[in-house]
């Protein structure tokens, strides 16, 4: 089983593209995804699957379209990809958390 981090873009914003995470979690769990965890209503999901990344993305897209009648961008990453991104963060830890400065 591979652990994936999934980001759904543009859901539950200003009353648009509503997806209840509890419902989505139920649909994912019923369709061969395991250890499904969601974070509030953000569209951030962690789950496990035997499928490769592309198939995970397609399967989630199909489930969302079928059950919520929505076509939304879905981003799927392995935990290794997330860890690598964090290790290679180009922004200094010395900067305030809410600001990013570009060198001149």
PDB file of N, CA and C in Angstrom:
ATOM      1  N   UNK A   1       0.839  -1.184   0.000  1.00  0.00           N
ATOM      2  CA  UNK A   1       0.000   0.000   0.000  1.00  0.00           C
ATOM      3  C   UNK A   1       0.879   1.241   0.000  1.00  0.00           C
ATOM      4  N   UNK A   2       0.473   2.204  -0.766  1.00  0.00           N
ATOM      5  CA  UNK A   2       1.193   3.477  -0.853  1.00  0.00           C
ATOM      6  C   UNK A   2       0.354   4.535  -0.158  1.00  0.00           C
ATOM      7  N   UNK A   3       1.001   5.384   0.642  1.00  0.00           N
ATOM      8  CA  UNK A   3       0.307   6.491   1.283  1.00  0.00           C
ATOM      9  C   UNK A   3       0.378   7.699   0.372  1.00  0.00           C
ATOM     10  N   UNK A   4      -0.783   8.310   0.130  1.00  0.00           N
ATOM     11  CA  UNK A   4      -0.882   9.488  -0.729  1.00  0.00           C
ATOM     12  C   UNK A   4      -1.454  10.665   0.052  1.00  0.00           C
ATOM     13  N   UNK A   5      -1.017  11.858  -0.328  1.00  0.00           N
ATOM     14  CA  UNK A   5      -1.596  13.100   0.152  1.00  0.00           C
ATOM     15  C   UNK A   5      -2.337  13.687  -1.040  1.00  0.00           C
ATOM     16  N   UNK A   6      -3.616  13.997  -0.853  1.00  0.00           N
ATOM     17  CA  UNK A   6      -4.467  14.472  -1.943  1.00  0.00           C
ATOM     18  C   UNK A   6      -4.986  15.860  -1.590  1.00  0.00           C
ATOM     19  N   UNK A   7      -4.899  16.773  -2.541  1.00  0.00           N
ATOM     20  CA  UNK A   7      -5.412  18.128  -2.371  1.00  0.00           C
ATOM     21  C   UNK A   7      -6.509  18.365  -3.406  1.00  0.00           C
ATOM     22  N   UNK A   8      -7.689  18.722  -2.941  1.00  0.00           N
ATOM     23  CA  UNK A   8      -8.791  19.085  -3.824  1.00  0.00           C
ATOM     24  C   UNK A   8      -8.816  20.608  -3.897  1.00  0.00           C
ATOM     25  N   UNK A   9      -8.823  21.142  -5.100  1.00  0.00           N
ATOM     26  CA  UNK A   9      -8.739  22.593  -5.264  1.00  0.00           C
ATOM     27  C   UNK A   9     -10.132  23.200  -5.453  1.00  0.00           C
ATOM     28  N   UNK A  10     -10.351  24.317  -4.760  1.00  0.00           N
ATOM     29  CA  UNK A  10     -11.549  25.121  -4.981  1.00  0.00           C
ATOM     30  C   UNK A  10     -12.836  24.524  -4.467  1.00  0.00           C
ATOM     31  N   UNK A  11     -12.759  23.776  -3.374  1.00  0.00           N
ATOM     32  CA  UNK A  11     -13.998  23.242  -2.809  1.00  0.00           C
ATOM     33  C   UNK A  11     -14.327  23.959  -1.514  1.00  0.00           C
ATOM     34  N   UNK A  12     -15.614  23.987  -1.189  1.00  0.00           N
ATOM     35  CA  UNK A  12     -16.099  24.556   0.068  1.00  0.00           C
ATOM     36  C   UNK A  12     -15.628  25.987   0.289  1.00  0.00           C
ATOM     37  N   UNK A  13     -15.598  26.760  -0.791  1.00  0.00           N
ATOM     38  CA  UNK A  13     -15.184  28.165  -0.707  1.00  0.00           C
ATOM     39  C   UNK A  13     -16.384  29.039  -1.042  1.00  0.00           C
ATOM     40  N   UNK A  14     -16.751  29.914  -0.127  1.00  0.00           N
ATOM     41  CA  UNK A  14     -17.863  30.849  -0.334  1.00  0.00           C
ATOM     42  C   UNK A  14     -19.146  30.139  -0.769  1.00  0.00           C
ATOM     43  N   UNK A  15     -19.389  28.980  -0.205  1.00  0.00           N
ATOM     44  CA  UNK A  15     -20.611  28.255  -0.504  1.00  0.00           C
ATOM     45  C   UNK A  15     -20.651  27.590  -1.872  1.00  0.00           C
ATOM     46  N   UNK A  16     -19.503  27.491  -2.520  1.00  0.00           N
ATOM     47  CA  UNK A  16     -19.447  26.882  -3.853  1.00  0.00           C
ATOM     48  C   UNK A  16     -18.683  25.559  -3.794  1.00  0.00           C
ATOM     49  N   UNK A  17     -19.010  24.666  -4.739  1.00  0.00           N
ATOM     50  CA  UNK A  17     -18.346  23.361  -4.843  1.00  0.00           C
ATOM     51  C   UNK A  17     -18.325  22.629  -3.498  1.00  0.00           C
ATOM     52  N   UNK A  18     -19.491  22.498  -2.918  1.00  0.00           N
ATOM     53  CA  UNK A  18     -19.607  21.905  -1.584  1.00  0.00           C
ATOM     54  C   UNK A  18     -19.394  20.384  -1.640  1.00  0.00           C
ATOM     55  N   UNK A  19     -18.446  19.944  -0.842  1.00  0.00           N
ATOM     56  CA  UNK A  19     -18.198  18.515  -0.646  1.00  0.00           C
ATOM     57  C   UNK A  19     -18.042  18.281   0.851  1.00  0.00           C
ATOM     58  N   UNK A  20     -18.960  17.539   1.440  1.00  0.00           N
ATOM     59  CA  UNK A  20     -18.819  17.193   2.853  1.00  0.00           C
ATOM     60  C   UNK A  20     -17.735  16.132   2.956  1.00  0.00           C
ATOM     61  N   UNK A  21     -16.722  16.413   3.750  1.00  0.00           N
ATOM     62  CA  UNK A  21     -15.603  15.483   3.884  1.00  0.00           C
ATOM     63  C   UNK A  21     -16.047  14.155   4.470  1.00  0.00           C
ATOM     64  N   UNK A  22     -17.026  14.159   5.345  1.00  0.00           N
ATOM     65  CA  UNK A  22     -17.492  12.887   5.904  1.00  0.00           C
ATOM     66  C   UNK A  22     -18.099  12.002   4.811  1.00  0.00           C
ATOM     67  N   UNK A  23     -18.838  12.619   3.882  1.00  0.00           N
ATOM     68  CA  UNK A  23     -19.402  11.849   2.763  1.00  0.00           C
ATOM     69  C   UNK A  23     -18.301  11.351   1.842  1.00  0.00           C
ATOM     70  N   UNK A  24     -17.367  12.240   1.508  1.00  0.00           N
ATOM     71  CA  UNK A  24     -16.275  11.842   0.612  1.00  0.00           C
ATOM     72  C   UNK A  24     -15.452  10.721   1.239  1.00  0.00           C
ATOM     73  N   UNK A  25     -15.180  10.839   2.521  1.00  0.00           N
ATOM     74  CA  UNK A  25     -14.418   9.804   3.221  1.00  0.00           C
ATOM     75  C   UNK A  25     -15.135   8.451   3.119  1.00  0.00           C
ATOM     76  N   UNK A  26     -16.445   8.473   3.274  1.00  0.00           N
ATOM     77  CA  UNK A  26     -17.238   7.243   3.163  1.00  0.00           C
ATOM     78  C   UNK A  26     -17.140   6.647   1.750  1.00  0.00           C
ATOM     79  N   UNK A  27     -17.270   7.493   0.713  1.00  0.00           N
ATOM     80  CA  UNK A  27     -17.179   7.009  -0.669  1.00  0.00           C
ATOM     81  C   UNK A  27     -15.791   6.464  -0.974  1.00  0.00           C
ATOM     82  N   UNK A  28     -14.751   7.148  -0.504  1.00  0.00           N
ATOM     83  CA  UNK A  28     -13.383   6.679  -0.743  1.00  0.00           C
ATOM     84  C   UNK A  28     -13.152   5.330  -0.062  1.00  0.00           C
ATOM     85  N   UNK A  29     -13.596   5.219   1.176  1.00  0.00           N
ATOM     86  CA  UNK A  29     -13.405   3.979   1.928  1.00  0.00           C
ATOM     87  C   UNK A  29     -14.161   2.816   1.292  1.00  0.00           C
ATOM     88  N   UNK A  30     -15.285   3.096   0.677  1.00  0.00           N
ATOM     89  CA  UNK A  30     -16.085   2.052   0.029  1.00  0.00           C
ATOM     90  C   UNK A  30     -15.516   1.667  -1.335  1.00  0.00           C
ATOM     91  N   UNK A  31     -14.507   2.393  -1.797  1.00  0.00           N
ATOM     92  CA  UNK A  31     -13.936   2.138  -3.122  1.00  0.00           C
ATOM     93  C   UNK A  31     -12.449   1.820  -3.049  1.00  0.00           C
ATOM     94  N   UNK A  32     -12.092   0.952  -2.134  1.00  0.00           N
ATOM     95  CA  UNK A  32     -10.747   0.382  -2.039  1.00  0.00           C
ATOM     96  C   UNK A  32      -9.646   1.329  -1.591  1.00  0.00           C
ATOM     97  N   UNK A  33     -10.003   2.498  -1.048  1.00  0.00           N
ATOM     98  CA  UNK A  33      -8.998   3.334  -0.402  1.00  0.00           C
ATOM     99  C   UNK A  33      -9.072   3.028   1.088  1.00  0.00           C
ATOM    100  N   UNK A  34      -7.915   3.000   1.746  1.00  0.00           N
ATOM    101  CA  UNK A  34      -7.899   2.664   3.169  1.00  0.00           C
ATOM    102  C   UNK A  34      -7.248   3.786   3.966  1.00  0.00           C
ATOM    103  N   UNK A  35      -7.429   3.721   5.273  1.00  0.00           N
ATOM    104  CA  UNK A  35      -6.851   4.699   6.199  1.00  0.00           C
ATOM    105  C   UNK A  35      -7.136   6.128   5.752  1.00  0.00           C
ATOM    106  N   UNK A  36      -8.350   6.365   5.296  1.00  0.00           N
ATOM    107  CA  UNK A  36      -8.725   7.685   4.766  1.00  0.00           C
ATOM    108  C   UNK A  36      -8.888   8.668   5.917  1.00  0.00           C
ATOM    109  N   UNK A  37      -8.160   9.772   5.832  1.00  0.00           N
ATOM    110  CA  UNK A  37      -8.258  10.846   6.813  1.00  0.00           C
ATOM    111  C   UNK A  37      -8.453  12.156   6.061  1.00  0.00           C
ATOM    112  N   UNK A  38      -9.314  13.015   6.588  1.00  0.00           N
ATOM    113  CA  UNK A  38      -9.511  14.328   5.987  1.00  0.00           C
ATOM    114  C   UNK A  38      -9.232  15.390   7.037  1.00  0.00           C
ATOM    115  N   UNK A  39      -8.933  16.588   6.561  1.00  0.00           N
ATOM    116  CA  UNK A  39      -8.685  17.695   7.480  1.00  0.00           C
ATOM    117  C   UNK A  39      -9.796  18.719   7.316  1.00  0.00           C
ATOM    118  N   UNK A  40     -10.566  18.902   8.328  1.00  0.00           N
ATOM    119  CA  UNK A  40     -11.746  19.765   8.343  1.00  0.00           C
ATOM    120  C   UNK A  40     -12.438  19.727   6.980  1.00  0.00           C
ATOM    121  N   UNK A  41     -12.883  20.853   6.475  1.00  0.00           N
ATOM    122  CA  UNK A  41     -13.564  20.899   5.179  1.00  0.00           C
ATOM    123  C   UNK A  41     -12.632  21.440   4.108  1.00  0.00           C
ATOM    124  N   UNK A  42     -11.326  21.233   4.264  1.00  0.00           N
ATOM    125  CA  UNK A  42     -10.319  21.846   3.407  1.00  0.00           C
ATOM    126  C   UNK A  42     -10.117  21.148   2.067  1.00  0.00           C
ATOM    127  N   UNK A  43     -10.499  19.891   1.975  1.00  0.00           N
ATOM    128  CA  UNK A  43     -10.194  19.134   0.764  1.00  0.00           C
ATOM    129  C   UNK A  43      -8.825  18.504   0.814  1.00  0.00           C
ATOM    130  N   UNK A  44      -8.199  18.488   1.983  1.00  0.00           N
ATOM    131  CA  UNK A  44      -6.914  17.825   2.166  1.00  0.00           C
ATOM    132  C   UNK A  44      -7.189  16.420   2.709  1.00  0.00           C
ATOM    133  N   UNK A  45      -6.604  15.430   2.031  1.00  0.00           N
ATOM    134  CA  UNK A  45      -6.891  14.035   2.355  1.00  0.00           C
ATOM    135  C   UNK A  45      -5.584  13.243   2.410  1.00  0.00           C
ATOM    136  N   UNK A  46      -5.510  12.325   3.336  1.00  0.00           N
ATOM    137  CA  UNK A  46      -4.431  11.339   3.362  1.00  0.00           C
ATOM    138  C   UNK A  46      -5.113   9.981   3.268  1.00  0.00           C
ATOM    139  N   UNK A  47      -4.588   9.124   2.404  1.00  0.00           N
ATOM    140  CA  UNK A  47      -5.181   7.798   2.234  1.00  0.00           C
ATOM    141  C   UNK A  47      -4.140   6.820   1.736  1.00  0.00           C
ATOM    142  N   UNK A  48      -4.487   5.556   1.756  1.00  0.00           N
ATOM    143  CA  UNK A  48      -3.614   4.503   1.241  1.00  0.00           C
ATOM    144  C   UNK A  48      -4.315   3.783   0.107  1.00  0.00           C
ATOM    145  N   UNK A  49      -3.501   3.334  -0.868  1.00  0.00           N
ATOM    146  CA  UNK A  49      -4.049   2.621  -2.011  1.00  0.00           C
ATOM    147  C   UNK A  49      -2.968   1.756  -2.638  1.00  0.00           C
ATOM    148  N   UNK A  50      -3.406   0.744  -3.332  1.00  0.00           N
ATOM    149  CA  UNK A  50      -2.493  -0.085  -4.134  1.00  0.00           C
ATOM    150  C   UNK A  50      -2.325   0.494  -5.538  1.00  0.00           C
ATOM    151  N   UNK A  51      -3.180   1.449  -5.895  1.00  0.00           N
ATOM    152  CA  UNK A  51      -3.148   2.053  -7.225  1.00  0.00           C
ATOM    153  C   UNK A  51      -1.962   3.009  -7.376  1.00  0.00           C
ATOM    154  N   UNK A  52      -1.550   3.263  -8.626  1.00  0.00           N
ATOM    155  CA  UNK A  52      -0.515   4.280  -8.843  1.00  0.00           C
ATOM    156  C   UNK A  52      -1.163   5.667  -8.792  1.00  0.00           C
ATOM    157  N   UNK A  53      -0.323   6.699  -8.771  1.00  0.00           N
ATOM    158  CA  UNK A  53      -0.799   8.081  -8.603  1.00  0.00           C
ATOM    159  C   UNK A  53      -1.865   8.472  -9.614  1.00  0.00           C
ATOM    160  N   UNK A  54      -1.630   8.174 -10.865  1.00  0.00           N
ATOM    161  CA  UNK A  54      -2.563   8.576 -11.919  1.00  0.00           C
ATOM    162  C   UNK A  54      -3.925   7.912 -11.729  1.00  0.00           C
ATOM    163  N   UNK A  55      -3.898   6.649 -11.351  1.00  0.00           N
ATOM    164  CA  UNK A  55      -5.164   5.936 -11.133  1.00  0.00           C
ATOM    165  C   UNK A  55      -5.885   6.462  -9.889  1.00  0.00           C
ATOM    166  N   UNK A  56      -5.129   6.812  -8.858  1.00  0.00           N
ATOM    167  CA  UNK A  56      -5.736   7.401  -7.660  1.00  0.00           C
ATOM    168  C   UNK A  56      -6.441   8.701  -8.047  1.00  0.00           C
ATOM    169  N   UNK A  57      -5.753   9.557  -8.789  1.00  0.00           N
ATOM    170  CA  UNK A  57      -6.341  10.828  -9.216  1.00  0.00           C
ATOM    171  C   UNK A  57      -7.614  10.596 -10.039  1.00  0.00           C
ATOM    172  N   UNK A  58      -7.543   9.687 -10.997  1.00  0.00           N
ATOM    173  CA  UNK A  58      -8.707   9.406 -11.846  1.00  0.00           C
ATOM    174  C   UNK A  58      -9.870   8.831 -11.051  1.00  0.00           C
ATOM    175  N   UNK A  59      -9.573   7.925 -10.148  1.00  0.00           N
ATOM    176  CA  UNK A  59     -10.625   7.303  -9.342  1.00  0.00           C
ATOM    177  C   UNK A  59     -11.309   8.336  -8.451  1.00  0.00           C
ATOM    178  N   UNK A  60     -10.527   9.196  -7.817  1.00  0.00           N
ATOM    179  CA  UNK A  60     -11.114  10.231  -6.965  1.00  0.00           C
ATOM    180  C   UNK A  60     -11.938  11.202  -7.809  1.00  0.00           C
ATOM    181  N   UNK A  61     -11.424  11.596  -8.962  1.00  0.00           N
ATOM    182  CA  UNK A  61     -12.162  12.499  -9.861  1.00  0.00           C
ATOM    183  C   UNK A  61     -13.501  11.876 -10.254  1.00  0.00           C
ATOM    184  N   UNK A  62     -13.495  10.586 -10.583  1.00  0.00           N
ATOM    185  CA  UNK A  62     -14.727   9.896 -10.963  1.00  0.00           C
ATOM    186  C   UNK A  62     -15.724   9.828  -9.807  1.00  0.00           C
ATOM    187  N   UNK A  63     -15.220   9.555  -8.600  1.00  0.00           N
ATOM    188  CA  UNK A  63     -16.102   9.500  -7.430  1.00  0.00           C
ATOM    189  C   UNK A  63     -16.735  10.864  -7.147  1.00  0.00           C
ATOM    190  N   UNK A  64     -15.936  11.918  -7.247  1.00  0.00           N
ATOM    191  CA  UNK A  64     -16.454  13.265  -6.983  1.00  0.00           C
ATOM    192  C   UNK A  64     -17.474  13.672  -8.043  1.00  0.00           C
ATOM    193  N   UNK A  65     -17.180  13.351  -9.282  1.00  0.00           N
ATOM    194  CA  UNK A  65     -18.138  13.688 -10.340  1.00  0.00           C
ATOM    195  C   UNK A  65     -19.444  12.898 -10.160  1.00  0.00           C
ATOM    196  N   UNK A  66     -19.323  11.624  -9.833  1.00  0.00           N
ATOM    197  CA  UNK A  66     -20.504  10.766  -9.672  1.00  0.00           C
ATOM    198  C   UNK A  66     -21.365  11.193  -8.480  1.00  0.00           C
ATOM    199  N   UNK A  67     -20.740  11.450  -7.330  1.00  0.00           N
ATOM    200  CA  UNK A  67     -21.503  11.687  -6.102  1.00  0.00           C
ATOM    201  C   UNK A  67     -21.786  13.158  -5.813  1.00  0.00           C
ATOM    202  N   UNK A  68     -20.966  14.061  -6.377  1.00  0.00           N
ATOM    203  CA  UNK A  68     -21.147  15.489  -6.080  1.00  0.00           C
ATOM    204  C   UNK A  68     -21.382  16.332  -7.334  1.00  0.00           C
ATOM    205  N   UNK A  69     -21.350  15.692  -8.504  1.00  0.00           N
ATOM    206  CA  UNK A  69     -21.543  16.379  -9.790  1.00  0.00           C
ATOM    207  C   UNK A  69     -20.580  17.544  -9.972  1.00  0.00           C
ATOM    208  N   UNK A  70     -19.336  17.339  -9.567  1.00  0.00           N
ATOM    209  CA  UNK A  70     -18.306  18.374  -9.684  1.00  0.00           C
ATOM    210  C   UNK A  70     -17.096  17.850 -10.439  1.00  0.00           C
ATOM    211  N   UNK A  71     -16.520  18.717 -11.251  1.00  0.00           N
ATOM    212  CA  UNK A  71     -15.221  18.451 -11.883  1.00  0.00           C
ATOM    213  C   UNK A  71     -14.264  19.483 -11.309  1.00  0.00           C
ATOM    214  N   UNK A  72     -13.354  19.014 -10.486  1.00  0.00           N
ATOM    215  CA  UNK A  72     -12.417  19.929  -9.827  1.00  0.00           C
ATOM    216  C   UNK A  72     -10.991  19.425 -10.010  1.00  0.00           C
ATOM    217  N   UNK A  73     -10.021  20.331  -9.935  1.00  0.00           N
ATOM    218  CA  UNK A  73      -8.622  19.890  -9.988  1.00  0.00           C
ATOM    219  C   UNK A  73      -8.267  19.077  -8.740  1.00  0.00           C
ATOM    220  N   UNK A  74      -7.548  17.991  -8.968  1.00  0.00           N
ATOM    221  CA  UNK A  74      -7.117  17.103  -7.886  1.00  0.00           C
ATOM    222  C   UNK A  74      -5.622  16.888  -8.021  1.00  0.00           C
ATOM    223  N   UNK A  75      -4.907  17.084  -6.922  1.00  0.00           N
ATOM    224  CA  UNK A  75      -3.463  16.905  -6.912  1.00  0.00           C
ATOM    225  C   UNK A  75      -3.124  15.768  -5.960  1.00  0.00           C
ATOM    226  N   UNK A  76      -2.375  14.792  -6.464  1.00  0.00           N
ATOM    227  CA  UNK A  76      -2.023  13.603  -5.678  1.00  0.00           C
ATOM    228  C   UNK A  76      -0.502  13.521  -5.570  1.00  0.00           C
ATOM    229  N   UNK A  77      -0.014  13.361  -4.341  1.00  0.00           N
ATOM    230  CA  UNK A  77       1.419  13.253  -4.086  1.00  0.00           C
ATOM    231  C   UNK A  77       1.686  12.073  -3.162  1.00  0.00           C
ATOM    232  N   UNK A  78       2.830  11.445  -3.359  1.00  0.00           N
ATOM    233  CA  UNK A  78       3.270  10.434  -2.402  1.00  0.00           C
ATOM    234  C   UNK A  78       3.845  11.162  -1.192  1.00  0.00           C
ATOM    235  N   UNK A  79       3.940  10.454  -0.076  1.00  0.00           N
ATOM    236  CA  UNK A  79       4.541  11.080   1.106  1.00  0.00           C
ATOM    237  C   UNK A  79       6.003  11.417   0.841  1.00  0.00           C
ATOM    238  N   UNK A  80       6.692  10.610   0.031  1.00  0.00           N
ATOM    239  CA  UNK A  80       8.093  10.922  -0.315  1.00  0.00           C
ATOM    240  C   UNK A  80       8.180  12.238  -1.072  1.00  0.00           C
ATOM    241  N   UNK A  81       7.237  12.487  -1.984  1.00  0.00           N
ATOM    242  CA  UNK A  81       7.244  13.744  -2.733  1.00  0.00           C
ATOM    243  C   UNK A  81       7.007  14.941  -1.810  1.00  0.00           C
ATOM    244  N   UNK A  82       6.109  14.793  -0.854  1.00  0.00           N
ATOM    245  CA  UNK A  82       5.841  15.876   0.105  1.00  0.00           C
ATOM    246  C   UNK A  82       7.079  16.121   0.965  1.00  0.00           C
ATOM    247  N   UNK A  83       7.683  15.056   1.471  1.00  0.00           N
ATOM    248  CA  UNK A  83       8.883  15.200   2.300  1.00  0.00           C
ATOM    249  C   UNK A  83      10.022  15.847   1.511  1.00  0.00           C
ATOM    250  N   UNK A  84      10.194  15.457   0.262  1.00  0.00           N
ATOM    251  CA  UNK A  84      11.231  16.041  -0.587  1.00  0.00           C
ATOM    252  C   UNK A  84      10.984  17.530  -0.813  1.00  0.00           C
ATOM    253  N   UNK A  85       9.744  17.903  -1.022  1.00  0.00           N
ATOM    254  CA  UNK A  85       9.399  19.314  -1.201  1.00  0.00           C
ATOM    255  C   UNK A  85       9.741  20.115   0.047  1.00  0.00           C
ATOM    256  N   UNK A  86       9.436  19.560   1.199  1.00  0.00           N
ATOM    257  CA  UNK A  86       9.736  20.253   2.449  1.00  0.00           C
ATOM    258  C   UNK A  86      11.244  20.391   2.668  1.00  0.00           C
ATOM    259  N   UNK A  87      11.988  19.342   2.333  1.00  0.00           N
ATOM    260  CA  UNK A  87      13.448  19.387   2.485  1.00  0.00           C
ATOM    261  C   UNK A  87      14.082  20.417   1.558  1.00  0.00           C
ATOM    262  N   UNK A  88      13.488  20.604   0.388  1.00  0.00           N
ATOM    263  CA  UNK A  88      14.050  21.502  -0.612  1.00  0.00           C
ATOM    264  C   UNK A  88      13.332  22.846  -0.681  1.00  0.00           C
ATOM    265  N   UNK A  89      12.690  23.230   0.398  1.00  0.00           N
ATOM    266  CA  UNK A  89      11.986  24.508   0.469  1.00  0.00           C
ATOM    267  C   UNK A  89      12.974  25.645   0.190  1.00  0.00           C
ATOM    268  N   UNK A  90      12.731  26.442  -0.849  1.00  0.00           N
ATOM    269  CA  UNK A  90      13.677  27.504  -1.193  1.00  0.00           C
ATOM    270  C   UNK A  90      13.546  28.754  -0.323  1.00  0.00           C
ATOM    271  N   UNK A  91      12.552  28.791   0.551  1.00  0.00           N
ATOM    272  CA  UNK A  91      12.320  29.979   1.355  1.00  0.00           C
ATOM    273  C   UNK A  91      12.994  29.843   2.712  1.00  0.00           C
ATOM    274  N   UNK A  92      13.619  30.885   3.139  1.00  0.00           N
ATOM    275  CA  UNK A  92      14.362  30.896   4.385  1.00  0.00           C
ATOM    276  C   UNK A  92      13.449  30.695   5.587  1.00  0.00           C
ATOM    277  N   UNK A  93      13.937  29.943   6.564  1.00  0.00           N
ATOM    278  CA  UNK A  93      13.199  29.776   7.814  1.00  0.00           C
ATOM    279  C   UNK A  93      13.201  31.048   8.641  1.00  0.00           C
ATOM    280  N   UNK A  94      14.077  32.004   8.303  1.00  0.00           N
ATOM    281  CA  UNK A  94      14.200  33.246   9.056  1.00  0.00           C
ATOM    282  C   UNK A  94      13.097  34.247   8.728  1.00  0.00           C
ATOM    283  N   UNK A  95      12.345  34.016   7.648  1.00  0.00           N
ATOM    284  CA  UNK A  95      11.298  34.946   7.240  1.00  0.00           C
ATOM    285  C   UNK A  95      10.040  34.725   8.060  1.00  0.00           C
ATOM    286  N   UNK A  96       9.276  35.800   8.281  1.00  0.00           N
ATOM    287  CA  UNK A  96       7.993  35.614   8.972  1.00  0.00           C
ATOM    288  C   UNK A  96       7.117  34.630   8.200  1.00  0.00           C
ATOM    289  N   UNK A  97       6.302  33.868   8.898  1.00  0.00           N
ATOM    290  CA  UNK A  97       5.510  32.812   8.276  1.00  0.00           C
ATOM    291  C   UNK A  97       4.499  33.284   7.252  1.00  0.00           C
ATOM    292  N   UNK A  98       4.112  34.547   7.294  1.00  0.00           N
ATOM    293  CA  UNK A  98       3.079  35.002   6.369  1.00  0.00           C
ATOM    294  C   UNK A  98       3.618  35.878   5.246  1.00  0.00           C
ATOM    295  N   UNK A  99       4.933  35.912   5.076  1.00  0.00           N
ATOM    296  CA  UNK A  99       5.520  36.755   4.025  1.00  0.00           C
ATOM    297  C   UNK A  99       6.618  36.003   3.301  1.00  0.00           C
ATOM    298  N   UNK A 100       6.724  36.237   2.017  1.00  0.00           N
ATOM    299  CA  UNK A 100       7.788  35.651   1.209  1.00  0.00           C
ATOM    300  C   UNK A 100       8.480  36.792   0.480  1.00  0.00           C
ATOM    301  N   UNK A 101       9.775  36.854   0.600  1.00  0.00           N
ATOM    302  CA  UNK A 101      10.545  37.913  -0.048  1.00  0.00           C
ATOM    303  C   UNK A 101      11.408  37.323  -1.141  1.00  0.00           C
ATOM    304  N   UNK A 102      11.495  38.035  -2.242  1.00  0.00           N
ATOM    305  CA  UNK A 102      12.374  37.599  -3.326  1.00  0.00           C
ATOM    306  C   UNK A 102      13.672  38.373  -3.231  1.00  0.00           C
ATOM    307  N   UNK A 103      14.824  37.696  -3.417  1.00  0.00           N
ATOM    308  CA  UNK A 103      16.085  38.427  -3.393  1.00  0.00           C
ATOM    309  C   UNK A 103      16.138  39.374  -4.590  1.00  0.00           C
ATOM    310  N   UNK A 104      16.733  40.531  -4.382  1.00  0.00           N
ATOM    311  CA  UNK A 104      16.837  41.531  -5.471  1.00  0.00           C
ATOM    312  C   UNK A 104      18.050  41.300  -6.310  1.00  0.00           C
TER     313      UNK A 104
END
